[in-house]
Amino acid sequence: MVSAVTDPSVLHDTKAAYDAVAPLYAELFGNMLETLPLERALLAAFAELVQAHNAGPVADIGCGPGQVTAHLHALGLNTFGIDLSAEMIALARRAHPGLRFDEGSMTALDLADEMLGGILAFFSTIHTPPRQLPTVFTEFGRVLAPGGYLLLGFLAGDDPLPREVDHKVTLAYQWSPGSLAELLRQAGFAEVGRLRREPHEAERFHSGYLLVRKHQEP
């Protein structure tokens, strides 16, 4: 899934990198959830919570070729995808013609305030420079309704400071779950739960997941 960032040069480089690998990415990861039972369970829990709150549609931000967007739709959510890469959006539209996919940056979403019941950001913030991540979380909070849920996937590490890692597509950052949870708290989110998964055989990094909820008005 493709991140969107505030620095124009980083944004351009990230977009270009994912545009270049979009067909291969879709081929390699189009069926990835079939081998990820923990992720499927997390997505099912996320869908159940959003449906129970009944606060609006769900945006898959950094949707890539749309496979997870389609999975959330199959779970009963009113879901649409957003991605920085035009090539990824084109692939998603061809693969899932019944769903909505839009180009866009997660730092300036073309969405109304508090219109979403949920946000999925499945490894879509990993290329965002650490100093700019609070801007992304603030924008997530703007478009998410009070009480809405955010499920964030990221590259998990132990260092309390974010660490640069050599991602196969472009530069990425590894975060400790606690450090990300604190940034989300400062952006107005309350933690619901977290998970850290060991890397599979073909993976180089631990996978981390944080499920948070936007504070509701008293």
N, C-alpha and C. Protein backbone atom coordinates (compact mmCIF):
# COMPACT_ATOMS: atom_id res chain seq x y z
N MET A 1 0.84 -1.18 0.00
CA MET A 1 0.00 0.00 0.00
C MET A 1 0.89 1.24 0.00
N VAL A 2 0.43 2.26 -0.64
CA VAL A 2 1.29 3.39 -0.94
C VAL A 2 1.03 4.55 -0.01
N SER A 3 2.07 5.12 0.52
CA SER A 3 1.89 6.25 1.42
C SER A 3 1.81 7.56 0.66
N ALA A 4 1.26 8.56 1.33
CA ALA A 4 1.26 9.91 0.79
C ALA A 4 1.87 10.81 1.85
N VAL A 5 2.75 11.71 1.46
CA VAL A 5 3.53 12.46 2.43
C VAL A 5 3.48 13.95 2.09
N THR A 6 3.97 14.79 3.00
CA THR A 6 3.85 16.23 2.81
C THR A 6 5.01 16.82 2.02
N ASP A 7 6.22 16.33 2.18
CA ASP A 7 7.36 16.86 1.45
C ASP A 7 7.18 16.56 -0.05
N PRO A 8 7.13 17.59 -0.91
CA PRO A 8 6.86 17.34 -2.32
C PRO A 8 7.83 16.37 -2.97
N SER A 9 9.12 16.44 -2.61
CA SER A 9 10.09 15.56 -3.24
C SER A 9 9.88 14.11 -2.81
N VAL A 10 9.57 13.91 -1.53
CA VAL A 10 9.31 12.55 -1.05
C VAL A 10 8.02 12.02 -1.68
N LEU A 11 7.02 12.89 -1.75
CA LEU A 11 5.75 12.49 -2.37
C LEU A 11 5.98 12.06 -3.81
N HIS A 12 6.72 12.86 -4.56
CA HIS A 12 7.00 12.54 -5.96
C HIS A 12 7.75 11.23 -6.08
N ASP A 13 8.78 11.04 -5.25
CA ASP A 13 9.59 9.82 -5.34
C ASP A 13 8.77 8.59 -4.97
N THR A 14 7.94 8.71 -3.95
CA THR A 14 7.12 7.57 -3.52
C THR A 14 6.11 7.20 -4.60
N LYS A 15 5.45 8.21 -5.15
CA LYS A 15 4.47 7.97 -6.21
C LYS A 15 5.15 7.31 -7.41
N ALA A 16 6.29 7.83 -7.83
CA ALA A 16 6.99 7.28 -8.98
C ALA A 16 7.43 5.84 -8.73
N ALA A 17 7.90 5.57 -7.52
CA ALA A 17 8.37 4.23 -7.19
C ALA A 17 7.23 3.21 -7.28
N TYR A 18 6.07 3.57 -6.76
CA TYR A 18 4.94 2.62 -6.79
C TYR A 18 4.28 2.56 -8.16
N ASP A 19 4.26 3.65 -8.89
CA ASP A 19 3.78 3.59 -10.27
C ASP A 19 4.61 2.58 -11.07
N ALA A 20 5.92 2.58 -10.83
CA ALA A 20 6.82 1.72 -11.59
C ALA A 20 6.63 0.24 -11.30
N VAL A 21 6.24 -0.09 -10.07
CA VAL A 21 6.14 -1.51 -9.69
C VAL A 21 4.70 -1.99 -9.58
N ALA A 22 3.74 -1.16 -9.97
CA ALA A 22 2.33 -1.49 -9.71
C ALA A 22 1.91 -2.85 -10.24
N PRO A 23 2.18 -3.22 -11.51
CA PRO A 23 1.73 -4.53 -11.98
C PRO A 23 2.37 -5.70 -11.21
N LEU A 24 3.66 -5.60 -10.93
CA LEU A 24 4.33 -6.65 -10.16
C LEU A 24 3.78 -6.72 -8.75
N TYR A 25 3.57 -5.57 -8.13
CA TYR A 25 3.01 -5.51 -6.78
C TYR A 25 1.66 -6.20 -6.74
N ALA A 26 0.80 -5.90 -7.71
CA ALA A 26 -0.53 -6.51 -7.74
C ALA A 26 -0.43 -8.01 -7.92
N GLU A 27 0.51 -8.46 -8.74
CA GLU A 27 0.69 -9.90 -8.96
C GLU A 27 1.17 -10.60 -7.70
N LEU A 28 2.10 -9.98 -6.98
CA LEU A 28 2.70 -10.61 -5.80
C LEU A 28 1.76 -10.59 -4.59
N PHE A 29 0.97 -9.52 -4.44
CA PHE A 29 0.22 -9.33 -3.21
C PHE A 29 -1.30 -9.35 -3.40
N GLY A 30 -1.75 -9.66 -4.60
CA GLY A 30 -3.18 -9.65 -4.86
C GLY A 30 -3.97 -10.62 -3.99
N ASN A 31 -3.35 -11.72 -3.62
CA ASN A 31 -4.03 -12.74 -2.79
C ASN A 31 -3.37 -12.90 -1.42
N MET A 32 -2.72 -11.85 -0.94
CA MET A 32 -1.91 -11.98 0.26
C MET A 32 -2.71 -12.38 1.49
N LEU A 33 -3.97 -11.95 1.59
CA LEU A 33 -4.75 -12.24 2.80
C LEU A 33 -5.04 -13.73 2.96
N GLU A 34 -4.94 -14.49 1.88
CA GLU A 34 -5.19 -15.93 1.97
C GLU A 34 -4.21 -16.62 2.91
N THR A 35 -3.02 -16.05 3.06
CA THR A 35 -1.99 -16.67 3.90
C THR A 35 -1.75 -15.89 5.19
N LEU A 36 -2.66 -14.98 5.54
CA LEU A 36 -2.49 -14.13 6.71
C LEU A 36 -3.70 -14.23 7.64
N PRO A 37 -3.83 -15.32 8.38
CA PRO A 37 -5.02 -15.49 9.23
C PRO A 37 -5.15 -14.45 10.33
N LEU A 38 -4.04 -14.00 10.90
CA LEU A 38 -4.14 -12.99 11.96
C LEU A 38 -4.66 -11.67 11.39
N GLU A 39 -4.19 -11.31 10.20
CA GLU A 39 -4.67 -10.08 9.58
C GLU A 39 -6.15 -10.19 9.22
N ARG A 40 -6.56 -11.34 8.73
CA ARG A 40 -7.98 -11.52 8.44
C ARG A 40 -8.83 -11.36 9.70
N ALA A 41 -8.34 -11.89 10.81
CA ALA A 41 -9.06 -11.75 12.07
C ALA A 41 -9.14 -10.29 12.51
N LEU A 42 -8.04 -9.56 12.35
CA LEU A 42 -8.05 -8.13 12.71
C LEU A 42 -9.03 -7.35 11.85
N LEU A 43 -9.03 -7.63 10.56
CA LEU A 43 -9.94 -6.93 9.66
C LEU A 43 -11.39 -7.27 9.99
N ALA A 44 -11.64 -8.50 10.37
CA ALA A 44 -13.01 -8.88 10.75
C ALA A 44 -13.44 -8.15 12.02
N ALA A 45 -12.54 -8.05 12.99
CA ALA A 45 -12.86 -7.32 14.22
C ALA A 45 -13.08 -5.84 13.93
N PHE A 46 -12.23 -5.27 13.10
CA PHE A 46 -12.38 -3.87 12.70
C PHE A 46 -13.74 -3.65 12.04
N ALA A 47 -14.11 -4.53 11.11
CA ALA A 47 -15.40 -4.41 10.42
C ALA A 47 -16.57 -4.50 11.40
N GLU A 48 -16.47 -5.42 12.34
CA GLU A 48 -17.56 -5.58 13.32
C GLU A 48 -17.72 -4.34 14.18
N LEU A 49 -16.61 -3.76 14.61
CA LEU A 49 -16.67 -2.56 15.44
C LEU A 49 -17.25 -1.38 14.67
N VAL A 50 -16.81 -1.21 13.42
CA VAL A 50 -17.32 -0.10 12.62
C VAL A 50 -18.82 -0.26 12.37
N GLN A 51 -19.24 -1.47 12.06
CA GLN A 51 -20.66 -1.71 11.81
C GLN A 51 -21.50 -1.47 13.05
N ALA A 52 -20.97 -1.84 14.21
CA ALA A 52 -21.71 -1.62 15.45
C ALA A 52 -21.87 -0.14 15.75
N HIS A 53 -20.86 0.65 15.40
CA HIS A 53 -20.92 2.09 15.64
C HIS A 53 -21.78 2.80 14.60
N ASN A 54 -21.83 2.25 13.39
CA ASN A 54 -22.69 2.76 12.31
C ASN A 54 -22.47 4.26 12.07
N ALA A 55 -21.20 4.64 11.88
CA ALA A 55 -20.87 6.06 11.79
C ALA A 55 -20.53 6.53 10.38
N GLY A 56 -20.63 5.66 9.37
CA GLY A 56 -20.33 6.12 8.02
C GLY A 56 -19.45 5.16 7.26
N PRO A 57 -19.06 5.51 6.03
CA PRO A 57 -18.24 4.64 5.19
C PRO A 57 -16.82 4.50 5.71
N VAL A 58 -16.10 3.57 5.09
CA VAL A 58 -14.71 3.29 5.47
C VAL A 58 -13.80 3.59 4.29
N ALA A 59 -12.72 4.32 4.55
CA ALA A 59 -11.71 4.61 3.53
C ALA A 59 -10.50 3.72 3.76
N ASP A 60 -10.10 3.00 2.72
CA ASP A 60 -8.85 2.26 2.71
C ASP A 60 -7.81 3.19 2.12
N ILE A 61 -7.03 3.83 2.97
CA ILE A 61 -6.11 4.89 2.55
C ILE A 61 -4.74 4.30 2.29
N GLY A 62 -4.29 4.42 1.04
CA GLY A 62 -3.11 3.69 0.59
C GLY A 62 -3.53 2.31 0.15
N CYS A 63 -4.56 2.25 -0.68
CA CYS A 63 -5.23 0.97 -0.98
C CYS A 63 -4.47 0.10 -1.95
N GLY A 64 -3.45 0.65 -2.64
CA GLY A 64 -2.74 -0.16 -3.62
C GLY A 64 -3.69 -0.68 -4.69
N PRO A 65 -3.55 -1.94 -5.10
CA PRO A 65 -4.42 -2.49 -6.14
C PRO A 65 -5.79 -2.91 -5.66
N GLY A 66 -6.14 -2.61 -4.42
CA GLY A 66 -7.52 -2.72 -3.97
C GLY A 66 -7.94 -4.03 -3.37
N GLN A 67 -7.00 -4.94 -3.12
CA GLN A 67 -7.41 -6.26 -2.62
C GLN A 67 -7.99 -6.20 -1.22
N VAL A 68 -7.45 -5.34 -0.36
CA VAL A 68 -7.98 -5.25 1.00
C VAL A 68 -9.27 -4.43 1.02
N THR A 69 -9.37 -3.44 0.16
CA THR A 69 -10.63 -2.71 0.02
C THR A 69 -11.75 -3.68 -0.32
N ALA A 70 -11.50 -4.57 -1.27
CA ALA A 70 -12.51 -5.54 -1.67
C ALA A 70 -12.82 -6.51 -0.53
N HIS A 71 -11.82 -6.87 0.25
CA HIS A 71 -12.05 -7.76 1.40
C HIS A 71 -12.96 -7.09 2.42
N LEU A 72 -12.72 -5.83 2.72
CA LEU A 72 -13.59 -5.12 3.65
C LEU A 72 -15.01 -5.00 3.11
N HIS A 73 -15.13 -4.79 1.81
CA HIS A 73 -16.46 -4.75 1.20
C HIS A 73 -17.18 -6.08 1.38
N ALA A 74 -16.44 -7.18 1.20
CA ALA A 74 -17.03 -8.51 1.37
C ALA A 74 -17.45 -8.76 2.82
N LEU A 75 -16.83 -8.06 3.76
CA LEU A 75 -17.21 -8.18 5.16
C LEU A 75 -18.43 -7.32 5.50
N GLY A 76 -18.95 -6.61 4.53
CA GLY A 76 -20.17 -5.85 4.73
C GLY A 76 -20.01 -4.36 4.92
N LEU A 77 -18.78 -3.84 4.73
CA LEU A 77 -18.55 -2.41 4.93
C LEU A 77 -18.75 -1.64 3.62
N ASN A 78 -19.22 -0.42 3.74
CA ASN A 78 -19.29 0.51 2.63
C ASN A 78 -17.91 1.13 2.46
N THR A 79 -17.11 0.55 1.58
CA THR A 79 -15.68 0.85 1.54
C THR A 79 -15.27 1.43 0.20
N PHE A 80 -14.33 2.35 0.23
CA PHE A 80 -13.71 2.86 -0.98
C PHE A 80 -12.22 3.03 -0.73
N GLY A 81 -11.44 3.11 -1.82
CA GLY A 81 -9.99 3.17 -1.70
C GLY A 81 -9.42 4.48 -2.20
N ILE A 82 -8.32 4.89 -1.58
CA ILE A 82 -7.58 6.10 -1.98
C ILE A 82 -6.10 5.73 -2.07
N ASP A 83 -5.43 6.19 -3.11
CA ASP A 83 -4.01 5.92 -3.23
C ASP A 83 -3.31 7.04 -3.98
N LEU A 84 -2.05 7.24 -3.65
CA LEU A 84 -1.23 8.26 -4.30
C LEU A 84 -0.88 7.87 -5.73
N SER A 85 -0.75 6.60 -6.00
CA SER A 85 -0.27 6.10 -7.28
C SER A 85 -1.41 5.95 -8.29
N ALA A 86 -1.30 6.66 -9.41
CA ALA A 86 -2.31 6.54 -10.46
C ALA A 86 -2.33 5.14 -11.05
N GLU A 87 -1.16 4.51 -11.14
CA GLU A 87 -1.10 3.16 -11.69
C GLU A 87 -1.80 2.16 -10.76
N MET A 88 -1.62 2.31 -9.46
CA MET A 88 -2.31 1.44 -8.52
C MET A 88 -3.82 1.63 -8.61
N ILE A 89 -4.27 2.87 -8.72
CA ILE A 89 -5.71 3.14 -8.82
C ILE A 89 -6.27 2.52 -10.09
N ALA A 90 -5.54 2.61 -11.19
CA ALA A 90 -6.01 2.02 -12.44
C ALA A 90 -6.15 0.50 -12.30
N LEU A 91 -5.19 -0.14 -11.65
CA LEU A 91 -5.26 -1.58 -11.43
C LEU A 91 -6.44 -1.94 -10.53
N ALA A 92 -6.64 -1.15 -9.48
CA ALA A 92 -7.74 -1.41 -8.55
C ALA A 92 -9.09 -1.30 -9.25
N ARG A 93 -9.23 -0.29 -10.09
CA ARG A 93 -10.51 -0.10 -10.80
C ARG A 93 -10.78 -1.25 -11.76
N ARG A 94 -9.73 -1.75 -12.41
CA ARG A 94 -9.93 -2.87 -13.33
C ARG A 94 -10.26 -4.16 -12.58
N ALA A 95 -9.59 -4.37 -11.45
CA ALA A 95 -9.81 -5.62 -10.70
C ALA A 95 -11.12 -5.62 -9.94
N HIS A 96 -11.59 -4.44 -9.53
CA HIS A 96 -12.80 -4.35 -8.69
C HIS A 96 -13.70 -3.25 -9.24
N PRO A 97 -14.32 -3.47 -10.40
CA PRO A 97 -15.08 -2.40 -11.07
C PRO A 97 -16.30 -1.92 -10.30
N GLY A 98 -16.78 -2.69 -9.35
CA GLY A 98 -17.94 -2.28 -8.58
C GLY A 98 -17.63 -1.38 -7.40
N LEU A 99 -16.34 -1.13 -7.16
CA LEU A 99 -15.94 -0.32 -6.01
C LEU A 99 -15.34 1.01 -6.47
N ARG A 100 -15.32 1.95 -5.55
CA ARG A 100 -14.79 3.28 -5.85
C ARG A 100 -13.33 3.37 -5.43
N PHE A 101 -12.50 3.92 -6.35
CA PHE A 101 -11.09 4.15 -6.05
C PHE A 101 -10.71 5.53 -6.59
N ASP A 102 -10.04 6.32 -5.74
CA ASP A 102 -9.66 7.68 -6.09
C ASP A 102 -8.18 7.92 -5.82
N GLU A 103 -7.56 8.73 -6.66
CA GLU A 103 -6.21 9.22 -6.36
C GLU A 103 -6.29 10.27 -5.27
N GLY A 104 -5.30 10.29 -4.38
CA GLY A 104 -5.30 11.30 -3.34
C GLY A 104 -4.15 11.14 -2.38
N SER A 105 -3.88 12.21 -1.64
CA SER A 105 -2.83 12.23 -0.63
C SER A 105 -3.44 12.19 0.77
N MET A 106 -2.89 11.39 1.62
CA MET A 106 -3.44 11.25 2.96
C MET A 106 -3.20 12.47 3.84
N THR A 107 -2.38 13.40 3.39
CA THR A 107 -2.19 14.63 4.16
C THR A 107 -3.17 15.73 3.79
N ALA A 108 -3.92 15.52 2.70
CA ALA A 108 -4.91 16.51 2.27
C ALA A 108 -6.04 15.75 1.57
N LEU A 109 -6.80 15.02 2.35
CA LEU A 109 -7.85 14.17 1.81
C LEU A 109 -9.02 15.01 1.29
N ASP A 110 -9.51 14.64 0.13
CA ASP A 110 -10.65 15.34 -0.46
C ASP A 110 -11.94 14.74 0.10
N LEU A 111 -12.08 14.87 1.41
CA LEU A 111 -13.22 14.30 2.13
C LEU A 111 -13.72 15.32 3.13
N ALA A 112 -15.01 15.28 3.39
CA ALA A 112 -15.61 16.21 4.34
C ALA A 112 -15.21 15.85 5.77
N ASP A 113 -15.26 16.83 6.63
CA ASP A 113 -14.98 16.59 8.04
C ASP A 113 -15.93 15.53 8.61
N GLU A 114 -15.37 14.60 9.38
CA GLU A 114 -16.12 13.63 10.17
C GLU A 114 -17.10 12.80 9.34
N MET A 115 -16.74 12.50 8.09
CA MET A 115 -17.66 11.74 7.23
C MET A 115 -17.44 10.24 7.29
N LEU A 116 -16.31 9.79 7.86
CA LEU A 116 -15.97 8.37 7.83
C LEU A 116 -16.29 7.68 9.14
N GLY A 117 -16.74 6.44 9.03
CA GLY A 117 -16.89 5.61 10.21
C GLY A 117 -15.64 4.82 10.53
N GLY A 118 -14.74 4.69 9.55
CA GLY A 118 -13.52 3.95 9.78
C GLY A 118 -12.47 4.29 8.74
N ILE A 119 -11.22 4.09 9.13
CA ILE A 119 -10.07 4.25 8.23
C ILE A 119 -9.19 3.02 8.38
N LEU A 120 -8.82 2.44 7.26
CA LEU A 120 -7.79 1.41 7.23
C LEU A 120 -6.55 2.02 6.61
N ALA A 121 -5.42 1.95 7.29
CA ALA A 121 -4.15 2.41 6.75
C ALA A 121 -3.17 1.24 6.90
N PHE A 122 -3.24 0.32 5.95
CA PHE A 122 -2.51 -0.95 6.02
C PHE A 122 -1.12 -0.76 5.43
N PHE A 123 -0.15 -0.40 6.27
CA PHE A 123 1.23 -0.18 5.85
C PHE A 123 1.33 0.96 4.84
N SER A 124 0.40 1.89 4.91
CA SER A 124 0.39 3.00 3.97
C SER A 124 1.05 4.26 4.51
N THR A 125 1.49 4.25 5.76
CA THR A 125 2.23 5.40 6.30
C THR A 125 3.72 5.10 6.46
N ILE A 126 4.17 3.95 5.99
CA ILE A 126 5.54 3.53 6.31
C ILE A 126 6.61 4.37 5.62
N HIS A 127 6.26 5.06 4.53
CA HIS A 127 7.23 5.90 3.84
C HIS A 127 7.17 7.36 4.28
N THR A 128 6.25 7.68 5.17
CA THR A 128 6.09 9.05 5.64
C THR A 128 7.23 9.42 6.58
N PRO A 129 7.98 10.49 6.30
CA PRO A 129 9.03 10.91 7.22
C PRO A 129 8.46 11.13 8.62
N PRO A 130 9.17 10.71 9.66
CA PRO A 130 8.62 10.77 11.02
C PRO A 130 8.12 12.15 11.44
N ARG A 131 8.79 13.21 11.04
CA ARG A 131 8.36 14.55 11.46
C ARG A 131 7.02 14.92 10.85
N GLN A 132 6.61 14.23 9.77
CA GLN A 132 5.38 14.55 9.08
C GLN A 132 4.22 13.64 9.46
N LEU A 133 4.51 12.58 10.21
CA LEU A 133 3.44 11.64 10.55
C LEU A 133 2.34 12.28 11.41
N PRO A 134 2.65 13.17 12.36
CA PRO A 134 1.56 13.82 13.10
C PRO A 134 0.56 14.54 12.19
N THR A 135 1.04 15.11 11.08
CA THR A 135 0.15 15.76 10.12
C THR A 135 -0.83 14.76 9.52
N VAL A 136 -0.33 13.57 9.21
CA VAL A 136 -1.18 12.52 8.66
C VAL A 136 -2.24 12.10 9.67
N PHE A 137 -1.84 11.89 10.92
CA PHE A 137 -2.79 11.46 11.94
C PHE A 137 -3.82 12.55 12.23
N THR A 138 -3.42 13.81 12.17
CA THR A 138 -4.37 14.90 12.34
C THR A 138 -5.41 14.90 11.22
N GLU A 139 -4.96 14.64 9.99
CA GLU A 139 -5.89 14.57 8.86
C GLU A 139 -6.84 13.37 9.00
N PHE A 140 -6.32 12.25 9.47
CA PHE A 140 -7.20 11.10 9.74
C PHE A 140 -8.28 11.49 10.75
N GLY A 141 -7.87 12.20 11.79
CA GLY A 141 -8.83 12.62 12.80
C GLY A 141 -9.86 13.59 12.26
N ARG A 142 -9.46 14.42 11.32
CA ARG A 142 -10.41 15.39 10.74
C ARG A 142 -11.55 14.70 10.01
N VAL A 143 -11.24 13.68 9.23
CA VAL A 143 -12.27 13.06 8.38
C VAL A 143 -13.02 11.93 9.08
N LEU A 144 -12.54 11.52 10.24
CA LEU A 144 -13.16 10.41 10.97
C LEU A 144 -14.20 10.95 11.95
N ALA A 145 -15.36 10.33 11.95
CA ALA A 145 -16.42 10.75 12.87
C ALA A 145 -16.03 10.43 14.31
N PRO A 146 -16.53 11.19 15.28
CA PRO A 146 -16.27 10.84 16.69
C PRO A 146 -16.70 9.40 16.98
N GLY A 147 -15.81 8.67 17.62
CA GLY A 147 -16.08 7.27 17.89
C GLY A 147 -15.70 6.34 16.77
N GLY A 148 -15.25 6.89 15.63
CA GLY A 148 -14.83 6.06 14.50
C GLY A 148 -13.50 5.38 14.77
N TYR A 149 -13.23 4.33 14.00
CA TYR A 149 -12.06 3.49 14.24
C TYR A 149 -11.01 3.65 13.14
N LEU A 150 -9.75 3.54 13.55
CA LEU A 150 -8.61 3.51 12.65
C LEU A 150 -7.82 2.25 12.93
N LEU A 151 -7.55 1.47 11.87
CA LEU A 151 -6.68 0.31 11.99
C LEU A 151 -5.42 0.62 11.19
N LEU A 152 -4.29 0.67 11.89
CA LEU A 152 -3.01 1.06 11.30
C LEU A 152 -2.07 -0.14 11.28
N GLY A 153 -1.53 -0.45 10.10
CA GLY A 153 -0.49 -1.46 9.98
C GLY A 153 0.85 -0.79 9.72
N PHE A 154 1.92 -1.33 10.32
CA PHE A 154 3.23 -0.66 10.20
C PHE A 154 4.35 -1.67 10.38
N LEU A 155 5.56 -1.26 10.08
CA LEU A 155 6.76 -2.08 10.31
C LEU A 155 7.18 -1.88 11.76
N ALA A 156 7.14 -2.95 12.53
CA ALA A 156 7.33 -2.84 13.98
C ALA A 156 8.78 -3.11 14.37
N GLY A 157 9.29 -2.26 15.28
CA GLY A 157 10.62 -2.44 15.83
C GLY A 157 10.62 -2.20 17.32
N ASP A 158 11.80 -2.25 17.93
CA ASP A 158 11.92 -2.09 19.37
C ASP A 158 12.46 -0.73 19.78
N ASP A 159 13.15 -0.05 18.88
CA ASP A 159 13.75 1.24 19.19
C ASP A 159 12.66 2.27 19.42
N PRO A 160 12.70 3.03 20.51
CA PRO A 160 11.67 4.05 20.74
C PRO A 160 11.68 5.16 19.70
N LEU A 161 12.80 5.33 18.99
CA LEU A 161 12.86 6.30 17.90
C LEU A 161 12.65 5.59 16.57
N PRO A 162 11.98 6.24 15.61
CA PRO A 162 11.79 5.61 14.30
C PRO A 162 13.13 5.35 13.62
N ARG A 163 13.19 4.27 12.88
CA ARG A 163 14.44 3.87 12.25
C ARG A 163 14.23 3.67 10.75
N GLU A 164 15.14 4.23 9.94
CA GLU A 164 15.08 4.02 8.51
C GLU A 164 15.39 2.57 8.18
N VAL A 165 14.63 2.00 7.23
CA VAL A 165 14.87 0.63 6.77
C VAL A 165 14.86 0.62 5.25
N ASP A 166 15.54 -0.35 4.70
CA ASP A 166 15.68 -0.47 3.25
C ASP A 166 14.51 -1.27 2.69
N HIS A 167 13.39 -0.61 2.50
CA HIS A 167 12.22 -1.23 1.90
C HIS A 167 12.50 -1.53 0.43
N LYS A 168 11.88 -2.59 -0.10
CA LYS A 168 12.17 -3.00 -1.47
C LYS A 168 11.73 -1.99 -2.52
N VAL A 169 10.75 -1.14 -2.19
CA VAL A 169 10.26 -0.17 -3.16
C VAL A 169 10.94 1.19 -2.98
N THR A 170 10.92 1.71 -1.77
CA THR A 170 11.55 2.99 -1.47
C THR A 170 11.75 3.11 0.03
N LEU A 171 12.47 4.12 0.47
CA LEU A 171 12.81 4.28 1.88
C LEU A 171 11.57 4.20 2.77
N ALA A 172 11.68 3.45 3.87
CA ALA A 172 10.58 3.31 4.81
C ALA A 172 11.10 3.48 6.23
N TYR A 173 10.17 3.47 7.18
CA TYR A 173 10.51 3.69 8.58
C TYR A 173 9.86 2.62 9.45
N GLN A 174 10.62 2.18 10.43
CA GLN A 174 10.17 1.19 11.40
C GLN A 174 9.91 1.89 12.73
N TRP A 175 8.78 1.58 13.34
CA TRP A 175 8.36 2.24 14.58
C TRP A 175 8.09 1.21 15.66
N SER A 176 8.33 1.62 16.90
CA SER A 176 7.86 0.80 18.01
C SER A 176 6.37 1.05 18.19
N PRO A 177 5.60 0.03 18.58
CA PRO A 177 4.17 0.23 18.80
C PRO A 177 3.87 1.33 19.80
N GLY A 178 4.67 1.41 20.86
CA GLY A 178 4.43 2.42 21.87
C GLY A 178 4.61 3.84 21.36
N SER A 179 5.62 4.05 20.51
CA SER A 179 5.86 5.39 19.97
C SER A 179 4.73 5.83 19.05
N LEU A 180 4.25 4.90 18.22
CA LEU A 180 3.13 5.24 17.34
C LEU A 180 1.86 5.47 18.14
N ALA A 181 1.64 4.65 19.16
CA ALA A 181 0.45 4.82 20.00
C ALA A 181 0.44 6.19 20.66
N GLU A 182 1.62 6.69 21.05
CA GLU A 182 1.68 8.00 21.67
C GLU A 182 1.37 9.11 20.66
N LEU A 183 1.87 8.99 19.44
CA LEU A 183 1.52 9.97 18.41
C LEU A 183 0.02 9.98 18.14
N LEU A 184 -0.57 8.81 18.10
CA LEU A 184 -2.01 8.73 17.88
C LEU A 184 -2.79 9.32 19.05
N ARG A 185 -2.30 9.09 20.26
CA ARG A 185 -2.96 9.68 21.43
C ARG A 185 -2.94 11.20 21.34
N GLN A 186 -1.80 11.75 20.94
CA GLN A 186 -1.69 13.20 20.82
C GLN A 186 -2.60 13.74 19.72
N ALA A 187 -2.95 12.90 18.75
CA ALA A 187 -3.84 13.32 17.66
C ALA A 187 -5.31 13.10 18.00
N GLY A 188 -5.61 12.63 19.21
CA GLY A 188 -6.99 12.51 19.63
C GLY A 188 -7.58 11.12 19.54
N PHE A 189 -6.71 10.10 19.53
CA PHE A 189 -7.18 8.73 19.44
C PHE A 189 -6.91 7.97 20.74
N ALA A 190 -7.79 7.04 21.06
CA ALA A 190 -7.61 6.16 22.22
C ALA A 190 -7.32 4.75 21.72
N GLU A 191 -6.33 4.11 22.30
CA GLU A 191 -5.96 2.77 21.86
C GLU A 191 -7.01 1.75 22.29
N VAL A 192 -7.36 0.88 21.35
CA VAL A 192 -8.27 -0.24 21.62
C VAL A 192 -7.48 -1.53 21.78
N GLY A 193 -6.48 -1.73 20.93
CA GLY A 193 -5.67 -2.94 21.01
C GLY A 193 -4.49 -2.86 20.06
N ARG A 194 -3.55 -3.78 20.25
CA ARG A 194 -2.37 -3.83 19.39
C ARG A 194 -1.94 -5.27 19.19
N LEU A 195 -1.23 -5.50 18.09
CA LEU A 195 -0.71 -6.83 17.77
C LEU A 195 0.64 -6.67 17.09
N ARG A 196 1.56 -7.55 17.45
CA ARG A 196 2.85 -7.60 16.75
C ARG A 196 3.05 -9.04 16.28
N ARG A 197 3.32 -9.19 14.98
CA ARG A 197 3.46 -10.51 14.39
C ARG A 197 4.89 -10.74 13.92
N GLU A 198 5.39 -11.96 14.18
CA GLU A 198 6.71 -12.34 13.69
C GLU A 198 6.71 -12.37 12.16
N PRO A 199 7.86 -12.08 11.54
CA PRO A 199 7.91 -12.13 10.08
C PRO A 199 7.72 -13.54 9.55
N HIS A 200 7.00 -13.65 8.44
CA HIS A 200 6.92 -14.92 7.73
C HIS A 200 8.22 -15.16 6.97
N GLU A 201 8.31 -16.30 6.34
CA GLU A 201 9.56 -16.71 5.69
C GLU A 201 10.02 -15.68 4.66
N ALA A 202 9.11 -15.10 3.90
CA ALA A 202 9.48 -14.17 2.84
C ALA A 202 9.56 -12.72 3.32
N GLU A 203 9.35 -12.48 4.61
CA GLU A 203 9.33 -11.12 5.14
C GLU A 203 10.62 -10.80 5.90
N ARG A 204 10.98 -9.53 5.94
CA ARG A 204 12.20 -9.11 6.64
C ARG A 204 11.92 -8.38 7.94
N PHE A 205 10.67 -7.95 8.15
CA PHE A 205 10.36 -7.12 9.31
C PHE A 205 9.16 -7.68 10.07
N HIS A 206 9.12 -7.36 11.37
CA HIS A 206 7.92 -7.64 12.14
C HIS A 206 6.78 -6.74 11.65
N SER A 207 5.57 -7.27 11.69
CA SER A 207 4.38 -6.49 11.35
C SER A 207 3.70 -6.05 12.64
N GLY A 208 3.35 -4.78 12.69
CA GLY A 208 2.65 -4.24 13.85
C GLY A 208 1.29 -3.69 13.45
N TYR A 209 0.34 -3.77 14.38
CA TYR A 209 -1.01 -3.27 14.13
C TYR A 209 -1.52 -2.56 15.37
N LEU A 210 -2.08 -1.39 15.16
CA LEU A 210 -2.72 -0.63 16.23
C LEU A 210 -4.16 -0.34 15.82
N LEU A 211 -5.09 -0.70 16.69
CA LEU A 211 -6.49 -0.36 16.51
C LEU A 211 -6.83 0.74 17.50
N VAL A 212 -7.24 1.89 16.99
CA VAL A 212 -7.53 3.04 17.84
C VAL A 212 -8.90 3.60 17.47
N ARG A 213 -9.42 4.42 18.37
CA ARG A 213 -10.74 5.01 18.18
C ARG A 213 -10.66 6.51 18.46
N LYS A 214 -11.27 7.28 17.59
CA LYS A 214 -11.31 8.73 17.79
C LYS A 214 -12.18 9.05 18.99
N HIS A 215 -11.70 9.96 19.84
CA HIS A 215 -12.46 10.34 21.03
C HIS A 215 -13.83 10.87 20.66
N GLN A 216 -14.81 10.49 21.43
CA GLN A 216 -16.17 11.00 21.24
C GLN A 216 -16.39 12.23 22.11
N GLU A 217 -17.29 13.07 21.67
CA GLU A 217 -17.64 14.24 22.47
C GLU A 217 -18.30 13.79 23.77
N PRO A 218 -17.98 14.46 24.90
CA PRO A 218 -18.61 14.07 26.18
C PRO A 218 -20.11 14.33 26.16
